[in-house]
PDB file of N, CA and C in Angstrom:
ATOM      1  N   MET A   1     100.816 148.528  20.644  1.00  0.00           N
ATOM      2  CA  MET A   1     101.539 147.301  20.364  1.00  0.00           C
ATOM      3  C   MET A   1     102.262 147.426  19.025  1.00  0.00           C
ATOM      4  N   LYS A   2     103.362 146.771  18.944  1.00  0.00           N
ATOM      5  CA  LYS A   2     104.115 146.768  17.695  1.00  0.00           C
ATOM      6  C   LYS A   2     103.481 145.775  16.726  1.00  0.00           C
ATOM      7  N   THR A   3     103.729 145.970  15.454  1.00  0.00           N
ATOM      8  CA  THR A   3     103.184 145.100  14.415  1.00  0.00           C
ATOM      9  C   THR A   3     103.637 143.655  14.613  1.00  0.00           C
ATOM     10  N   GLY A   4     104.872 143.450  14.989  1.00  0.00           N
ATOM     11  CA  GLY A   4     105.395 142.099  15.206  1.00  0.00           C
ATOM     12  C   GLY A   4     104.671 141.381  16.322  1.00  0.00           C
ATOM     13  N   SER A   5     104.339 142.092  17.391  1.00  0.00           N
ATOM     14  CA  SER A   5     103.610 141.489  18.514  1.00  0.00           C
ATOM     15  C   SER A   5     102.205 141.081  18.103  1.00  0.00           C
ATOM     16  N   VAL A   6     101.553 141.939  17.318  1.00  0.00           N
ATOM     17  CA  VAL A   6     100.204 141.624  16.836  1.00  0.00           C
ATOM     18  C   VAL A   6     100.243 140.388  15.946  1.00  0.00           C
ATOM     19  N   PHE A   7     101.235 140.318  15.073  1.00  0.00           N
ATOM     20  CA  PHE A   7     101.381 139.170  14.175  1.00  0.00           C
ATOM     21  C   PHE A   7     101.545 137.874  14.972  1.00  0.00           C
ATOM     22  N   VAL A   8     102.398 137.891  15.992  1.00  0.00           N
ATOM     23  CA  VAL A   8     102.620 136.705  16.820  1.00  0.00           C
ATOM     24  C   VAL A   8     101.335 136.314  17.535  1.00  0.00           C
ATOM     25  N   LEU A   9     100.602 137.281  18.051  1.00  0.00           N
ATOM     26  CA  LEU A   9      99.333 137.006  18.725  1.00  0.00           C
ATOM     27  C   LEU A   9      98.331 136.361  17.773  1.00  0.00           C
ATOM     28  N   VAL A  10      98.230 136.879  16.566  1.00  0.00           N
ATOM     29  CA  VAL A  10      97.315 136.319  15.563  1.00  0.00           C
ATOM     30  C   VAL A  10      97.712 134.883  15.222  1.00  0.00           C
ATOM     31  N   VAL A  11      98.995 134.623  15.075  1.00  0.00           N
ATOM     32  CA  VAL A  11      99.471 133.269  14.763  1.00  0.00           C
ATOM     33  C   VAL A  11      99.086 132.311  15.889  1.00  0.00           C
ATOM     34  N   PHE A  12      99.291 132.715  17.140  1.00  0.00           N
ATOM     35  CA  PHE A  12      98.921 131.865  18.270  1.00  0.00           C
ATOM     36  C   PHE A  12      97.424 131.569  18.286  1.00  0.00           C
ATOM     37  N   VAL A  13      96.601 132.554  18.001  1.00  0.00           N
ATOM     38  CA  VAL A  13      95.146 132.357  17.981  1.00  0.00           C
ATOM     39  C   VAL A  13      94.761 131.379  16.874  1.00  0.00           C
ATOM     40  N   ILE A  14      95.346 131.523  15.703  1.00  0.00           N
ATOM     41  CA  ILE A  14      95.033 130.625  14.582  1.00  0.00           C
ATOM     42  C   ILE A  14      95.451 129.196  14.904  1.00  0.00           C
ATOM     43  N   VAL A  15      96.643 129.020  15.443  1.00  0.00           N
ATOM     44  CA  VAL A  15      97.126 127.680  15.793  1.00  0.00           C
ATOM     45  C   VAL A  15      96.227 127.053  16.864  1.00  0.00           C
ATOM     46  N   ALA A  16      95.839 127.826  17.857  1.00  0.00           N
ATOM     47  CA  ALA A  16      94.960 127.310  18.917  1.00  0.00           C
ATOM     48  C   ALA A  16      93.610 126.889  18.349  1.00  0.00           C
ATOM     49  N   MET A  17      93.057 127.654  17.428  1.00  0.00           N
ATOM     50  CA  MET A  17      91.768 127.302  16.821  1.00  0.00           C
ATOM     51  C   MET A  17      91.886 126.025  15.992  1.00  0.00           C
ATOM     52  N   GLU A  18      92.969 125.884  15.243  1.00  0.00           N
ATOM     53  CA  GLU A  18      93.151 124.673  14.443  1.00  0.00           C
ATOM     54  C   GLU A  18      93.288 123.448  15.327  1.00  0.00           C
ATOM     55  N   MET A  19      93.998 123.582  16.435  1.00  0.00           N
ATOM     56  CA  MET A  19      94.147 122.454  17.354  1.00  0.00           C
ATOM     57  C   MET A  19      92.807 122.088  17.981  1.00  0.00           C
ATOM     58  N   ALA A  20      91.999 123.070  18.324  1.00  0.00           N
ATOM     59  CA  ALA A  20      90.701 122.805  18.939  1.00  0.00           C
ATOM     60  C   ALA A  20      89.776 122.089  17.956  1.00  0.00           C
ATOM     61  N   PHE A  21      89.730 122.539  16.711  1.00  0.00           N
ATOM     62  CA  PHE A  21      88.847 121.914  15.732  1.00  0.00           C
ATOM     63  C   PHE A  21      89.363 120.557  15.278  1.00  0.00           C
ATOM     64  N   ALA A  22      90.658 120.321  15.321  1.00  0.00           N
ATOM     65  CA  ALA A  22      91.224 119.037  14.913  1.00  0.00           C
ATOM     66  C   ALA A  22      90.857 117.937  15.898  1.00  0.00           C
ATOM     67  N   ARG A  23      90.522 118.261  17.140  1.00  0.00           N
ATOM     68  CA  ARG A  23      90.207 117.271  18.156  1.00  0.00           C
ATOM     69  C   ARG A  23      88.733 116.864  18.145  1.00  0.00           C
ATOM     70  N   ILE A  24      87.918 117.510  17.316  1.00  0.00           N
ATOM     71  CA  ILE A  24      86.507 117.149  17.255  1.00  0.00           C
ATOM     72  C   ILE A  24      86.391 115.846  16.472  1.00  0.00           C
ATOM     73  N   PRO A  25      85.882 114.782  17.099  1.00  0.00           N
ATOM     74  CA  PRO A  25      85.788 113.506  16.404  1.00  0.00           C
ATOM     75  C   PRO A  25      84.738 113.546  15.297  1.00  0.00           C
ATOM     76  N   ILE A  26      85.062 112.906  14.209  1.00  0.00           N
ATOM     77  CA  ILE A  26      84.129 112.776  13.095  1.00  0.00           C
ATOM     78  C   ILE A  26      83.665 111.325  13.097  1.00  0.00           C
ATOM     79  N   VAL A  27      82.487 111.106  13.634  1.00  0.00           N
ATOM     80  CA  VAL A  27      81.964 109.756  13.747  1.00  0.00           C
ATOM     81  C   VAL A  27      80.842 109.620  12.729  1.00  0.00           C
ATOM     82  N   LYS A  28      81.016 108.727  11.763  1.00  0.00           N
ATOM     83  CA  LYS A  28      80.054 108.587  10.686  1.00  0.00           C
ATOM     84  C   LYS A  28      78.992 107.547  10.978  1.00  0.00           C
ATOM     85  N   GLY A  29      79.411 106.372  11.406  1.00  0.00           N
ATOM     86  CA  GLY A  29      78.457 105.283  11.545  1.00  0.00           C
ATOM     87  C   GLY A  29      78.458 104.688  12.931  1.00  0.00           C
ATOM     88  N   ARG A  30      77.811 103.546  13.002  1.00  0.00           N
ATOM     89  CA  ARG A  30      77.757 102.860  14.290  1.00  0.00           C
ATOM     90  C   ARG A  30      79.043 102.081  14.530  1.00  0.00           C
ATOM     91  N   PRO A  31      79.283 101.700  15.786  1.00  0.00           N
ATOM     92  CA  PRO A  31      80.507 100.962  16.098  1.00  0.00           C
ATOM     93  C   PRO A  31      80.573  99.631  15.347  1.00  0.00           C
ATOM     94  N   ARG A  32      81.773  99.207  15.047  1.00  0.00           N
ATOM     95  CA  ARG A  32      81.963  97.920  14.378  1.00  0.00           C
ATOM     96  C   ARG A  32      81.764  96.785  15.372  1.00  0.00           C
ATOM     97  N   PRO A  33      81.476  95.598  14.876  1.00  0.00           N
ATOM     98  CA  PRO A  33      81.266  94.462  15.781  1.00  0.00           C
ATOM     99  C   PRO A  33      82.547  94.074  16.512  1.00  0.00           C
ATOM    100  N   GLY A  34      82.370  93.340  17.589  1.00  0.00           N
ATOM    101  CA  GLY A  34      83.509  92.919  18.387  1.00  0.00           C
ATOM    102  C   GLY A  34      83.772  93.918  19.496  1.00  0.00           C
ATOM    103  N   ALA A  35      84.843  93.713  20.203  1.00  0.00           N
ATOM    104  CA  ALA A  35      85.200  94.575  21.319  1.00  0.00           C
ATOM    105  C   ALA A  35      86.672  94.921  21.241  1.00  0.00           C
ATOM    106  N   CYS A  36      87.036  95.924  21.989  1.00  0.00           N
ATOM    107  CA  CYS A  36      88.449  96.297  22.084  1.00  0.00           C
ATOM    108  C   CYS A  36      89.144  95.363  23.067  1.00  0.00           C
ATOM    109  N   PRO A  37      90.387  95.011  22.790  1.00  0.00           N
ATOM    110  CA  PRO A  37      91.121  94.195  23.760  1.00  0.00           C
ATOM    111  C   PRO A  37      91.299  94.984  25.059  1.00  0.00           C
ATOM    112  N   GLU A  38      91.312  94.264  26.176  1.00  0.00           N
ATOM    113  CA  GLU A  38      91.476  94.928  27.467  1.00  0.00           C
ATOM    114  C   GLU A  38      92.889  95.472  27.607  1.00  0.00           C
ATOM    115  N   VAL A  39      92.986  96.632  28.219  1.00  0.00           N
ATOM    116  CA  VAL A  39      94.285  97.219  28.519  1.00  0.00           C
ATOM    117  C   VAL A  39      94.732  96.642  29.858  1.00  0.00           C
ATOM    118  N   PRO A  40      95.897  96.015  29.915  1.00  0.00           N
ATOM    119  CA  PRO A  40      96.359  95.443  31.189  1.00  0.00           C
ATOM    120  C   PRO A  40      96.427  96.505  32.282  1.00  0.00           C
ATOM    121  N   ARG A  41      96.033  96.119  33.484  1.00  0.00           N
ATOM    122  CA  ARG A  41      96.035  97.039  34.621  1.00  0.00           C
ATOM    123  C   ARG A  41      97.439  97.622  34.825  1.00  0.00           C
ATOM    124  N   GLY A  42      97.503  98.922  35.013  1.00  0.00           N
ATOM    125  CA  GLY A  42      98.775  99.590  35.248  1.00  0.00           C
ATOM    126  C   GLY A  42      99.530  99.955  33.977  1.00  0.00           C
ATOM    127  N   MET A  43      98.985  99.602  32.826  1.00  0.00           N
ATOM    128  CA  MET A  43      99.658  99.904  31.558  1.00  0.00           C
ATOM    129  C   MET A  43      99.007 101.126  30.909  1.00  0.00           C
ATOM    130  N   ALA A  44      99.812 101.911  30.246  1.00  0.00           N
ATOM    131  CA  ALA A  44      99.309 103.057  29.500  1.00  0.00           C
ATOM    132  C   ALA A  44     100.130 103.189  28.231  1.00  0.00           C
ATOM    133  N   GLY A  45      99.435 103.481  27.150  1.00  0.00           N
ATOM    134  CA  GLY A  45     100.118 103.677  25.877  1.00  0.00           C
ATOM    135  C   GLY A  45     100.448 105.146  25.684  1.00  0.00           C
ATOM    136  N   THR A  46     100.756 105.506  24.459  1.00  0.00           N
ATOM    137  CA  THR A  46     101.046 106.899  24.152  1.00  0.00           C
ATOM    138  C   THR A  46      99.774 107.725  24.274  1.00  0.00           C
ATOM    139  N   CYS A  47      99.902 108.927  24.719  1.00  0.00           N
ATOM    140  CA  CYS A  47      98.744 109.808  24.907  1.00  0.00           C
ATOM    141  C   CYS A  47      98.449 110.577  23.625  1.00  0.00           C
ATOM    142  N   ALA A  48      98.319 109.859  22.523  1.00  0.00           N
ATOM    143  CA  ALA A  48      98.024 110.465  21.232  1.00  0.00           C
ATOM    144  C   ALA A  48      96.695 109.915  20.726  1.00  0.00           C
ATOM    145  N   GLU A  49      95.917 110.771  20.118  1.00  0.00           N
ATOM    146  CA  GLU A  49      94.650 110.354  19.513  1.00  0.00           C
ATOM    147  C   GLU A  49      94.928 110.014  18.055  1.00  0.00           C
ATOM    148  N   GLN A  50      95.096 108.722  17.759  1.00  0.00           N
ATOM    149  CA  GLN A  50      95.422 108.298  16.402  1.00  0.00           C
ATOM    150  C   GLN A  50      94.188 107.883  15.622  1.00  0.00           C
ATOM    151  N   CYS A  51      93.024 107.845  16.290  1.00  0.00           N
ATOM    152  CA  CYS A  51      91.778 107.543  15.595  1.00  0.00           C
ATOM    153  C   CYS A  51      90.626 108.227  16.338  1.00  0.00           C
ATOM    154  N   PHE A  52      89.525 108.433  15.628  1.00  0.00           N
ATOM    155  CA  PHE A  52      88.328 109.062  16.194  1.00  0.00           C
ATOM    156  C   PHE A  52      87.118 108.257  15.752  1.00  0.00           C
ATOM    157  N   GLY A  53      86.877 107.141  16.409  1.00  0.00           N
ATOM    158  CA  GLY A  53      85.769 106.274  16.038  1.00  0.00           C
ATOM    159  C   GLY A  53      86.222 105.157  15.114  1.00  0.00           C
ATOM    160  N   ASP A  54      85.431 104.089  15.076  1.00  0.00           N
ATOM    161  CA  ASP A  54      85.797 102.909  14.298  1.00  0.00           C
ATOM    162  C   ASP A  54      85.944 103.195  12.808  1.00  0.00           C
ATOM    163  N   ASP A  55      85.178 104.162  12.289  1.00  0.00           N
ATOM    164  CA  ASP A  55      85.261 104.473  10.858  1.00  0.00           C
ATOM    165  C   ASP A  55      86.604 105.054  10.446  1.00  0.00           C
ATOM    166  N   SER A  56      87.385 105.520  11.408  1.00  0.00           N
ATOM    167  CA  SER A  56      88.697 106.078  11.062  1.00  0.00           C
ATOM    168  C   SER A  56      89.794 105.011  11.079  1.00  0.00           C
ATOM    169  N   CYS A  57      89.402 103.741  11.299  1.00  0.00           N
ATOM    170  CA  CYS A  57      90.360 102.625  11.312  1.00  0.00           C
ATOM    171  C   CYS A  57      90.145 101.731  10.093  1.00  0.00           C
ATOM    172  N   PRO A  58      91.166 100.969   9.699  1.00  0.00           N
ATOM    173  CA  PRO A  58      90.996 100.015   8.601  1.00  0.00           C
ATOM    174  C   PRO A  58      89.941  98.965   8.945  1.00  0.00           C
ATOM    175  N   LYS A  59      89.412  98.331   7.913  1.00  0.00           N
ATOM    176  CA  LYS A  59      88.384  97.307   8.097  1.00  0.00           C
ATOM    177  C   LYS A  59      88.899  96.194   9.024  1.00  0.00           C
ATOM    178  N   GLY A  60      88.042  95.739   9.942  1.00  0.00           N
ATOM    179  CA  GLY A  60      88.404  94.686  10.881  1.00  0.00           C
ATOM    180  C   GLY A  60      89.064  95.209  12.146  1.00  0.00           C
ATOM    181  N   MET A  61      89.253  96.530  12.227  1.00  0.00           N
ATOM    182  CA  MET A  61      89.876  97.119  13.412  1.00  0.00           C
ATOM    183  C   MET A  61      88.918  98.106  14.061  1.00  0.00           C
ATOM    184  N   LYS A  62      89.134  98.344  15.347  1.00  0.00           N
ATOM    185  CA  LYS A  62      88.320  99.276  16.111  1.00  0.00           C
ATOM    186  C   LYS A  62      89.207 100.350  16.713  1.00  0.00           C
ATOM    187  N   CYS A  63      88.629 101.490  16.980  1.00  0.00           N
ATOM    188  CA  CYS A  63      89.334 102.573  17.655  1.00  0.00           C
ATOM    189  C   CYS A  63      89.218 102.312  19.154  1.00  0.00           C
ATOM    190  N   CYS A  64      90.337 101.972  19.791  1.00  0.00           N
ATOM    191  CA  CYS A  64      90.332 101.526  21.182  1.00  0.00           C
ATOM    192  C   CYS A  64      91.265 102.372  22.045  1.00  0.00           C
ATOM    193  N   SER A  65      90.947 102.430  23.323  1.00  0.00           N
ATOM    194  CA  SER A  65      91.819 103.100  24.272  1.00  0.00           C
ATOM    195  C   SER A  65      93.072 102.260  24.485  1.00  0.00           C
ATOM    196  N   ASN A  66      94.201 102.934  24.635  1.00  0.00           N
ATOM    197  CA  ASN A  66      95.439 102.220  24.965  1.00  0.00           C
ATOM    198  C   ASN A  66      95.877 102.554  26.388  1.00  0.00           C
ATOM    199  N   GLY A  67      94.967 103.128  27.162  1.00  0.00           N
ATOM    200  CA  GLY A  67      95.266 103.509  28.532  1.00  0.00           C
ATOM    201  C   GLY A  67      95.487 104.998  28.694  1.00  0.00           C
ATOM    202  N   CYS A  68      95.677 105.678  27.576  1.00  0.00           N
ATOM    203  CA  CYS A  68      95.838 107.135  27.621  1.00  0.00           C
ATOM    204  C   CYS A  68      95.190 107.773  26.389  1.00  0.00           C
ATOM    205  N   GLY A  69      95.591 107.340  25.202  1.00  0.00           N
ATOM    206  CA  GLY A  69      95.025 107.853  23.960  1.00  0.00           C
ATOM    207  C   GLY A  69      94.169 106.790  23.292  1.00  0.00           C
ATOM    208  N   HIS A  70      93.954 106.922  21.992  1.00  0.00           N
ATOM    209  CA  HIS A  70      93.187 105.940  21.227  1.00  0.00           C
ATOM    210  C   HIS A  70      93.967 105.539  19.984  1.00  0.00           C
ATOM    211  N   VAL A  71      93.980 104.227  19.683  1.00  0.00           N
ATOM    212  CA  VAL A  71      94.667 103.682  18.516  1.00  0.00           C
ATOM    213  C   VAL A  71      93.789 102.609  17.878  1.00  0.00           C
ATOM    214  N   CYS A  72      94.062 102.274  16.616  1.00  0.00           N
ATOM    215  CA  CYS A  72      93.341 101.197  15.933  1.00  0.00           C
ATOM    216  C   CYS A  72      93.901  99.852  16.388  1.00  0.00           C
ATOM    217  N   LYS A  73      93.008  98.961  16.820  1.00  0.00           N
ATOM    218  CA  LYS A  73      93.411  97.623  17.251  1.00  0.00           C
ATOM    219  C   LYS A  73      92.482  96.601  16.615  1.00  0.00           C
ATOM    220  N   VAL A  74      92.980  95.368  16.468  1.00  0.00           N
ATOM    221  CA  VAL A  74      92.161  94.280  15.939  1.00  0.00           C
ATOM    222  C   VAL A  74      91.071  93.962  16.957  1.00  0.00           C
ATOM    223  N   ALA A  75      89.834  93.886  16.502  1.00  0.00           N
ATOM    224  CA  ALA A  75      88.701  93.606  17.384  1.00  0.00           C
ATOM    225  C   ALA A  75      88.759  92.168  17.894  1.00  0.00           C
ATOM    226  N   VAL A  76      88.293  91.969  19.114  1.00  0.00           N
ATOM    227  CA  VAL A  76      88.206  90.636  19.705  1.00  0.00           C
ATOM    228  C   VAL A  76      86.731  90.335  19.944  1.00  0.00           C
ATOM    229  N   PRO A  77      86.353  89.045  20.052  1.00  0.00           N
ATOM    230  CA  PRO A  77      84.944  88.711  20.312  1.00  0.00           C
ATOM    231  C   PRO A  77      84.479  89.320  21.638  1.00  0.00           C
ATOM    232  N   LYS A  78      83.206  89.722  21.660  1.00  0.00           N
ATOM    233  CA  LYS A  78      82.630  90.280  22.884  1.00  0.00           C
ATOM    234  C   LYS A  78      82.357  89.176  23.883  1.00  0.00           C
ATOM    235  N   LYS A  79      82.582  89.466  25.162  1.00  0.00           N
ATOM    236  CA  LYS A  79      82.222  88.534  26.227  1.00  0.00           C
ATOM    237  C   LYS A  79      80.844  88.924  26.735  1.00  0.00           C
ATOM    238  N   SER A  80      80.020  87.927  26.986  1.00  0.00           N
ATOM    239  CA  SER A  80      78.698  88.223  27.533  1.00  0.00           C
ATOM    240  C   SER A  80      78.255  87.069  28.413  1.00  0.00           C
ATOM    241  N   GLY A  81      77.237  87.310  29.174  1.00  0.00           N
ATOM    242  CA  GLY A  81      76.693  86.261  30.037  1.00  0.00           C
ATOM    243  C   GLY A  81      77.525  86.062  31.274  1.00  0.00           C
ATOM    244  N   PHE A  82      77.209  84.996  32.001  1.00  0.00           N
ATOM    245  CA  PHE A  82      77.895  84.696  33.248  1.00  0.00           C
ATOM    246  C   PHE A  82      79.058  83.746  32.993  1.00  0.00           C
ATOM    247  N   GLY A  83      80.092  83.863  33.760  1.00  0.00           N
ATOM    248  CA  GLY A  83      81.224  82.949  33.652  1.00  0.00           C
ATOM    249  C   GLY A  83      82.133  83.214  32.475  1.00  0.00           C
ATOM    250  N   GLY A  84      81.988  84.386  31.852  1.00  0.00           N
ATOM    251  CA  GLY A  84      82.891  84.744  30.760  1.00  0.00           C
ATOM    252  C   GLY A  84      82.623  84.001  29.466  1.00  0.00           C
ATOM    253  N   HIS A  85      81.390  83.467  29.293  1.00  0.00           N
ATOM    254  CA  HIS A  85      81.068  82.805  28.033  1.00  0.00           C
ATOM    255  C   HIS A  85      81.168  83.810  26.901  1.00  0.00           C
ATOM    256  N   VAL A  86      81.663  83.367  25.776  1.00  0.00           N
ATOM    257  CA  VAL A  86      81.915  84.285  24.659  1.00  0.00           C
ATOM    258  C   VAL A  86      80.763  84.253  23.672  1.00  0.00           C
ATOM    259  N   ASN A  87      80.256  85.431  23.369  1.00  0.00           N
ATOM    260  CA  ASN A  87      79.310  85.621  22.275  1.00  0.00           C
ATOM    261  C   ASN A  87      80.134  86.289  21.197  1.00  0.00           C
ATOM    262  N   ASP A  88      80.260  85.667  20.041  1.00  0.00           N
ATOM    263  CA  ASP A  88      81.222  86.170  19.062  1.00  0.00           C
ATOM    264  C   ASP A  88      80.967  87.605  18.649  1.00  0.00           C
ATOM    265  N   GLY A  89      79.723  88.089  18.669  1.00  0.00           N
ATOM    266  CA  GLY A  89      79.454  89.490  18.407  1.00  0.00           C
ATOM    267  C   GLY A  89      79.821  89.966  17.019  1.00  0.00           C
ATOM    268  N   TRP A  90      80.156  89.030  16.141  1.00  0.00           N
ATOM    269  CA  TRP A  90      80.562  89.453  14.792  1.00  0.00           C
ATOM    270  C   TRP A  90      79.345  89.536  13.899  1.00  0.00           C
ATOM    271  N   GLY A  91      79.276  90.589  13.152  1.00  0.00           N
ATOM    272  CA  GLY A  91      78.202  90.775  12.180  1.00  0.00           C
ATOM    273  C   GLY A  91      78.820  91.209  10.866  1.00  0.00           C
ATOM    274  N   VAL A  92      77.997  91.438   9.885  1.00  0.00           N
ATOM    275  CA  VAL A  92      78.492  91.858   8.576  1.00  0.00           C
ATOM    276  C   VAL A  92      78.107  93.306   8.370  1.00  0.00           C
ATOM    277  N   TYR A  93      79.085  94.130   8.043  1.00  0.00           N
ATOM    278  CA  TYR A  93      78.825  95.544   7.760  1.00  0.00           C
ATOM    279  C   TYR A  93      79.152  95.829   6.330  1.00  0.00           C
TER     280      TYR A  93
END
């Protein structure tokens, strides 16, 4: 093999390794209170991972699915029980 071919191969391997390690989520703590807003049926957002767990979002926001990837969204109260009664689910962290 020529030196140039080896160099290109090494560059591809390094880039592939960086991409693989960049996708490993770093989750520090437990999930924040509240829930993610529902994604409307048939809707999909961008297929980009813009957050990896609630700790990677600003305070008061959660890392939520947008139908394809994950983005930071404002948390909504959790629904629980029968008939859609709302349990606020908010706590202090």
